[in-house]
Amino acid sequence: MKALCWQGTNSVSVENVPDPKILNPRDAIIKITSTAICGSDLHLYDGYIPTMQKGDILGHENMGEVVEVGSEVKNLKIGDRIVVPFTISCGSCFFCQKQLWSCCDNSNPNAWMAEKLYGHSPSGLFGYSHMLGGYAGGQAEYLRVPFADVGHVKIPEGMPDEKVLFLSDIFPTAWMAAENCQIEPGDTVAIWGAGPVGLLAIKSAYLQGAERVISIESVEDRMRLAREAGAETIDFNDEKGVIELLKEMTGGRGPDSCMDAVGMEAHGTS
């Protein structure tokens, strides 16, 4: 199959690689129908994440059609369309039982690497370095999904990929940020950044009860998209300064909660 492979810092290429195979009875193989490029992929591309190896397959925002299932996968069948989350979770460990899927104790076979760097290992992740499992990603024609009976989202017949692909990672990222704001009806929420996650954070804030959302950005096209999503906007480069403008817009009180959706590769912001 063809797959997008990491070749080194600032270097990726499409290569012919072996098709994935069922390795464990809880695996499934899906034929990728849609996949997205995440801002997190820039961390790999720009060389910020250690333990990448030449030839690693990228991609963690994936969906597709099930073409093969392991013997212990009882809730999927060939032909099902599913969205697969970024995180790989066993479903039965201490953290999974508390629905803290990204902390799964059992899905990262290289946990010792992550512990050495971070102090504690998160779950395994698709296409995201060997310290986080060394799993192949989904920017490819096929993908092996470990613990395939946990975490997937089945897609109803007739619903197009573009309506559901963002359930894999980017929309849950924005939604959880809004949840962490503990938004109450009538709240004003300020969001730094109006890229894809920031725009979804605007939508998430309104869905969770915010009355006003203020988007702070420096790129005019993104500010326009933020306004189209229902937010008021502040130009980050305005000479008055963001803090003063937020005070002016909220009667001196400031927003009730804030989200940072700027991203690790941003420059010139401090």
Protein backbone atom coordinates (compact mmCIF):
# COMPACT_ATOMS: atom_id res chain seq x y z
CA MET A 1 0.00 0.00 0.00
CA LYS A 2 1.00 3.65 -0.26
CA ALA A 3 1.57 5.62 2.93
CA LEU A 4 2.94 9.00 4.02
CA CYS A 5 6.21 8.33 5.82
CA TRP A 6 8.40 10.52 8.02
CA GLN A 7 11.93 10.73 6.64
CA GLY A 8 13.45 13.22 9.06
CA THR A 9 12.92 16.79 10.22
CA ASN A 10 10.98 18.73 7.54
CA SER A 11 10.91 15.70 5.25
CA VAL A 12 8.03 13.33 4.44
CA SER A 13 7.31 11.23 1.36
CA VAL A 14 4.74 8.80 -0.01
CA GLU A 15 6.20 5.30 -0.06
CA ASN A 16 5.11 1.76 -0.85
CA VAL A 17 4.96 -0.18 2.42
CA PRO A 18 3.58 -3.60 3.48
CA ASP A 19 -0.15 -3.85 4.13
CA PRO A 20 -1.05 -4.12 7.84
CA LYS A 21 -2.08 -7.51 9.23
CA ILE A 22 -4.09 -8.70 12.23
CA LEU A 23 -1.56 -9.26 15.03
CA ASN A 24 -3.86 -9.68 18.03
CA PRO A 25 -7.42 -11.02 18.36
CA ARG A 26 -8.77 -7.56 19.28
CA ASP A 27 -7.32 -5.92 16.15
CA ALA A 28 -9.22 -4.75 13.09
CA ILE A 29 -8.02 -3.55 9.72
CA ILE A 30 -9.75 -0.60 8.08
CA LYS A 31 -9.51 0.73 4.56
CA ILE A 32 -8.92 4.45 5.01
CA THR A 33 -11.53 6.61 3.29
CA SER A 34 -10.59 9.96 4.87
CA THR A 35 -7.76 11.23 7.02
CA ALA A 36 -6.73 14.71 8.13
CA ILE A 37 -3.50 16.54 8.85
CA CYS A 38 -3.43 17.69 12.48
CA GLY A 39 -1.53 20.58 13.96
CA SER A 40 0.17 17.93 16.08
CA ASP A 41 1.67 16.48 12.89
CA LEU A 42 3.68 19.69 12.65
CA HIS A 43 5.41 18.73 15.91
CA LEU A 44 6.67 15.60 14.15
CA TYR A 45 7.44 17.36 10.88
CA ASP A 46 9.41 20.11 12.64
CA GLY A 47 11.35 17.63 14.77
CA TYR A 48 9.99 18.50 18.20
CA ILE A 49 8.99 14.94 19.15
CA PRO A 50 11.82 12.47 19.89
CA THR A 51 11.96 8.74 19.04
CA MET A 52 10.69 9.11 15.48
CA GLN A 53 12.32 6.74 13.03
CA LYS A 54 12.83 7.06 9.27
CA GLY A 55 9.87 5.43 7.51
CA ASP A 56 7.32 5.86 10.32
CA ILE A 57 3.79 6.24 8.93
CA LEU A 58 2.04 9.44 10.01
CA GLY A 59 -1.62 10.21 10.68
CA HIS A 60 -3.92 10.05 13.68
CA GLU A 61 -7.20 11.59 12.42
CA ASN A 62 -8.58 8.58 10.59
CA MET A 63 -11.74 6.89 9.45
CA GLY A 64 -12.58 4.10 7.06
CA GLU A 65 -14.33 0.85 6.28
CA VAL A 66 -13.68 -2.31 8.28
CA VAL A 67 -12.19 -4.98 6.01
CA GLU A 68 -10.97 -7.51 8.59
CA VAL A 69 -11.65 -8.16 12.29
CA GLY A 70 -9.86 -10.19 14.92
CA SER A 71 -11.57 -13.16 16.56
CA GLU A 72 -12.34 -11.29 19.80
CA VAL A 73 -13.86 -8.17 18.22
CA LYS A 74 -17.61 -8.68 18.62
CA ASN A 75 -18.97 -5.18 18.03
CA LEU A 76 -17.61 -4.64 14.52
CA LYS A 77 -18.18 -6.41 11.24
CA ILE A 78 -16.75 -6.18 7.77
CA GLY A 79 -18.31 -3.24 5.97
CA ASP A 80 -18.84 -1.04 9.05
CA ARG A 81 -17.71 2.56 8.64
CA ILE A 82 -15.91 3.86 11.72
CA VAL A 83 -14.04 6.90 12.99
CA VAL A 84 -10.97 5.94 14.99
CA PRO A 85 -9.73 8.15 17.87
CA PHE A 86 -6.14 9.37 18.19
CA THR A 87 -5.71 7.46 21.44
CA ILE A 88 -5.43 3.66 21.64
CA SER A 89 -7.21 2.36 24.74
CA CYS A 90 -7.72 -1.11 26.17
CA GLY A 91 -11.06 -0.38 27.82
CA SER A 92 -10.37 -2.33 31.01
CA CYS A 93 -7.49 -0.74 32.95
CA PHE A 94 -7.90 1.66 35.89
CA PHE A 95 -7.86 4.75 33.67
CA CYS A 96 -10.10 3.37 30.95
CA GLN A 97 -12.66 2.39 33.57
CA LYS A 98 -12.75 6.08 34.53
CA GLN A 99 -13.02 7.06 30.83
CA LEU A 100 -9.56 8.63 30.96
CA TRP A 101 -8.72 6.97 27.65
CA SER A 102 -5.55 8.93 26.95
CA CYS A 103 -4.01 7.56 30.14
CA CYS A 104 -4.53 3.88 29.27
CA ASP A 105 -2.06 1.66 31.12
CA ASN A 106 -1.99 -1.15 28.58
CA SER A 107 -1.71 0.28 25.07
CA ASN A 108 1.83 1.68 25.04
CA PRO A 109 4.41 -1.12 24.75
CA ASN A 110 7.19 1.47 25.02
CA ALA A 111 5.90 3.14 28.17
CA TRP A 112 9.37 3.24 29.68
CA MET A 113 10.48 5.68 26.97
CA ALA A 114 7.66 8.11 27.68
CA GLU A 115 8.16 7.76 31.44
CA LYS A 116 11.81 8.74 31.05
CA LEU A 117 10.84 11.96 29.24
CA TYR A 118 7.46 12.85 30.77
CA GLY A 119 7.50 11.10 34.13
CA HIS A 120 4.38 9.09 33.24
CA SER A 121 3.33 7.38 30.04
CA PRO A 122 0.08 8.24 28.29
CA SER A 123 -1.73 5.74 26.09
CA GLY A 124 -0.37 4.54 22.81
CA LEU A 125 -1.09 6.87 19.89
CA PHE A 126 -1.45 6.30 16.17
CA GLY A 127 1.47 7.54 14.09
CA TYR A 128 3.12 9.46 16.89
CA SER A 129 6.65 8.26 17.72
CA HIS A 130 8.04 5.10 19.24
CA MET A 131 7.89 6.39 22.80
CA LEU A 132 4.10 6.43 22.32
CA GLY A 133 3.89 2.91 20.96
CA GLY A 134 5.45 2.96 17.52
CA TYR A 135 2.05 2.38 15.92
CA ALA A 136 1.62 3.06 12.21
CA GLY A 137 -0.65 6.00 11.42
CA GLY A 138 -3.53 6.31 9.03
CA GLN A 139 -2.24 8.61 6.29
CA ALA A 140 -2.17 5.42 4.27
CA GLU A 141 -4.48 3.13 2.35
CA TYR A 142 -5.02 0.75 5.30
CA LEU A 143 -4.65 0.90 9.09
CA ARG A 144 -4.37 -1.71 11.82
CA VAL A 145 -6.53 -0.68 14.79
CA PRO A 146 -5.50 -2.31 18.10
CA PHE A 147 -8.22 -2.76 20.74
CA ALA A 148 -10.66 -2.11 17.91
CA ASP A 149 -13.65 -2.93 20.10
CA VAL A 150 -12.98 0.21 22.20
CA GLY A 151 -13.38 3.86 21.27
CA HIS A 152 -14.50 3.70 17.66
CA VAL A 153 -17.53 5.63 16.43
CA LYS A 154 -19.80 3.83 13.97
CA ILE A 155 -21.05 6.06 11.18
CA PRO A 156 -24.67 5.79 9.99
CA GLU A 157 -25.28 4.92 6.38
CA GLY A 158 -25.51 7.93 4.12
CA MET A 159 -23.50 10.32 6.30
CA PRO A 160 -20.48 11.66 4.38
CA ASP A 161 -16.96 11.45 5.77
CA GLU A 162 -16.52 15.21 6.00
CA LYS A 163 -19.40 15.43 8.49
CA VAL A 164 -17.76 13.06 10.98
CA LEU A 165 -13.99 12.86 10.36
CA PHE A 166 -13.27 15.56 12.96
CA LEU A 167 -14.64 13.25 15.68
CA SER A 168 -11.28 11.47 15.51
CA ASP A 169 -9.30 14.15 17.34
CA ILE A 170 -9.72 17.83 16.53
CA PHE A 171 -13.34 18.31 17.61
CA PRO A 172 -12.94 16.36 20.89
CA THR A 173 -9.87 18.52 21.60
CA ALA A 174 -11.95 21.69 21.31
CA TRP A 175 -14.93 20.18 23.13
CA MET A 176 -12.84 19.06 26.11
CA ALA A 177 -11.22 22.49 26.35
CA ALA A 178 -14.69 24.01 26.56
CA GLU A 179 -15.72 21.41 29.16
CA ASN A 180 -12.70 22.35 31.25
CA CYS A 181 -13.96 25.94 31.23
CA GLN A 182 -17.05 24.79 33.17
CA ILE A 183 -19.16 27.16 31.11
CA GLU A 184 -22.40 28.37 32.65
CA PRO A 185 -25.33 29.99 30.83
CA GLY A 186 -24.55 33.61 30.09
CA ASP A 187 -20.76 33.25 30.28
CA THR A 188 -18.30 35.13 28.11
CA VAL A 189 -15.46 32.94 26.84
CA ALA A 190 -12.21 34.22 25.29
CA ILE A 191 -10.32 31.97 22.89
CA TRP A 192 -6.79 32.66 21.71
CA GLY A 193 -6.33 31.37 18.16
CA ALA A 194 -8.86 30.85 15.38
CA GLY A 195 -7.31 28.00 13.49
CA PRO A 196 -9.24 24.74 13.08
CA VAL A 197 -9.22 23.91 16.82
CA GLY A 198 -10.04 27.50 17.76
CA LEU A 199 -13.01 27.59 15.38
CA LEU A 200 -14.34 24.33 16.80
CA ALA A 201 -13.76 25.72 20.30
CA ILE A 202 -16.03 28.65 19.39
CA LYS A 203 -18.76 26.21 18.35
CA SER A 204 -18.17 24.06 21.45
CA ALA A 205 -18.42 27.04 23.78
CA TYR A 206 -21.77 28.07 22.32
CA LEU A 207 -23.08 24.49 22.42
CA GLN A 208 -22.15 24.34 26.11
CA GLY A 209 -24.04 27.51 27.00
CA ALA A 210 -21.78 30.50 26.42
CA GLU A 211 -23.56 33.75 25.62
CA ARG A 212 -20.55 35.48 24.07
CA VAL A 213 -17.30 34.20 22.58
CA ILE A 214 -14.38 36.53 21.88
CA SER A 215 -11.71 35.26 19.51
CA ILE A 216 -8.18 36.70 19.69
CA GLU A 217 -6.27 36.38 16.40
CA SER A 218 -3.73 38.17 14.22
CA VAL A 219 -4.61 36.72 10.79
CA GLU A 220 -7.47 38.53 9.05
CA ASP A 221 -8.79 35.46 7.21
CA ARG A 222 -9.03 33.58 10.50
CA MET A 223 -10.74 36.49 12.21
CA ARG A 224 -13.29 36.49 9.39
CA LEU A 225 -13.93 32.77 9.92
CA ALA A 226 -14.26 33.35 13.67
CA ARG A 227 -16.88 36.03 13.05
CA GLU A 228 -18.72 33.70 10.68
CA ALA A 229 -18.71 31.13 13.50
CA GLY A 230 -20.45 33.68 15.75
CA ALA A 231 -17.55 35.13 17.72
CA GLU A 232 -16.55 38.71 18.31
CA THR A 233 -12.89 39.32 17.46
CA ILE A 234 -9.84 41.11 18.80
CA ASP A 235 -6.76 41.68 16.66
CA PHE A 236 -3.84 40.38 18.71
CA ASN A 237 -1.64 43.13 17.28
CA ASP A 238 -4.00 45.97 18.24
CA GLU A 239 -1.93 48.67 19.96
CA LYS A 240 -4.42 48.88 22.85
CA GLY A 241 -3.46 45.38 23.94
CA VAL A 242 -5.60 42.29 24.35
CA ILE A 243 -6.17 42.67 28.10
CA GLU A 244 -7.44 46.23 27.82
CA LEU A 245 -9.69 45.34 24.90
CA LEU A 246 -11.14 42.37 26.80
CA LYS A 247 -11.88 44.65 29.75
CA GLU A 248 -13.57 47.17 27.46
CA MET A 249 -15.75 44.47 25.94
CA THR A 250 -16.81 43.02 29.30
CA GLY A 251 -17.50 46.08 31.42
CA GLY A 252 -14.09 45.90 33.07
CA ARG A 253 -14.60 42.39 34.43
CA GLY A 254 -12.89 40.26 31.80
CA PRO A 255 -14.06 36.91 30.40
CA ASP A 256 -15.41 34.14 32.61
CA SER A 257 -13.02 31.61 31.12
CA CYS A 258 -10.28 31.38 28.51
CA MET A 259 -8.95 28.81 26.07
CA ASP A 260 -5.55 28.67 24.37
CA ALA A 261 -5.82 27.24 20.85
CA VAL A 262 -2.71 28.85 19.41
CA GLY A 263 -0.41 25.85 18.99
CA MET A 264 3.17 24.96 19.79
CA GLU A 265 4.69 26.21 16.53
CA ALA A 266 3.45 29.81 16.93
CA HIS A 267 6.17 32.48 16.92
CA GLY A 268 6.48 36.10 17.95
CA THR A 269 3.82 35.91 20.67
CA SER A 270 5.94 36.62 23.72
